[in-house]
Amino acid sequence: MFKYFGSLPPFLTFGGALLAFLIPYLFYVASNKLHEWGDPPWKKDRKTNS
């Protein structure tokens, strides 16, 4: 079991890969929420009708 731990990348590699996914995803979610709350009515109608 312990022989596999030597071949694992360091913790910072896993942390960096996780952050490379999480940061853009969180910006995407936050941007969608801001558009949901702040878009004018004419823009919301266009989204739902198309």
Protein backbone atom coordinates (compact mmCIF):
# COMPACT_ATOMS: atom_id res chain seq x y z
CA MET A 1 0.00 0.00 0.00
CA PHE A 2 2.74 2.49 0.91
CA LYS A 3 4.65 1.92 -2.33
CA TYR A 4 1.93 3.89 -4.17
CA PHE A 5 2.39 7.00 -2.03
CA GLY A 6 5.84 7.55 -3.49
CA SER A 7 4.39 7.92 -6.98
CA LEU A 8 1.70 10.44 -6.03
CA PRO A 9 2.32 14.07 -7.00
CA PRO A 10 2.88 16.52 -4.15
CA PHE A 11 -0.04 18.09 -2.31
CA LEU A 12 0.48 21.43 -4.07
CA THR A 13 -0.10 19.76 -7.43
CA PHE A 14 -3.46 18.43 -6.28
CA GLY A 15 -4.30 21.76 -4.67
CA GLY A 16 -3.40 23.66 -7.82
CA ALA A 17 -5.46 21.34 -10.01
CA LEU A 18 -8.42 21.69 -7.67
CA LEU A 19 -8.14 25.47 -7.61
CA ALA A 20 -7.77 25.56 -11.41
CA PHE A 21 -11.22 23.99 -11.59
CA LEU A 22 -12.92 25.66 -8.62
CA ILE A 23 -12.01 29.30 -9.24
CA PRO A 24 -13.42 29.55 -12.80
CA TYR A 25 -16.46 27.48 -11.78
CA LEU A 26 -17.21 29.80 -8.85
CA PHE A 27 -16.89 32.85 -11.13
CA TYR A 28 -19.30 31.18 -13.58
CA VAL A 29 -21.87 30.49 -10.84
CA ALA A 30 -21.52 33.99 -9.37
CA SER A 31 -21.86 35.59 -12.81
CA ASN A 32 -25.03 33.63 -13.55
CA LYS A 33 -26.54 34.66 -10.19
CA LEU A 34 -25.68 38.31 -10.79
CA HIS A 35 -27.27 38.18 -14.25
CA GLU A 36 -30.32 36.46 -12.79
CA TRP A 37 -30.77 39.24 -10.23
CA GLY A 38 -29.63 42.25 -12.22
CA ASP A 39 -30.62 41.85 -15.86
CA PRO A 40 -33.35 44.20 -17.09
CA PRO A 41 -36.76 42.68 -17.93
CA TRP A 42 -36.30 43.00 -21.70
CA LYS A 43 -33.13 40.94 -21.51
CA LYS A 44 -34.76 38.26 -19.36
CA ASP A 45 -37.62 37.91 -21.86
CA ARG A 46 -35.18 37.37 -24.71
CA LYS A 47 -33.43 34.58 -22.79
CA THR A 48 -36.64 32.70 -22.06
CA ASN A 49 -38.13 33.12 -25.54
CA SER A 50 -35.09 31.97 -27.50
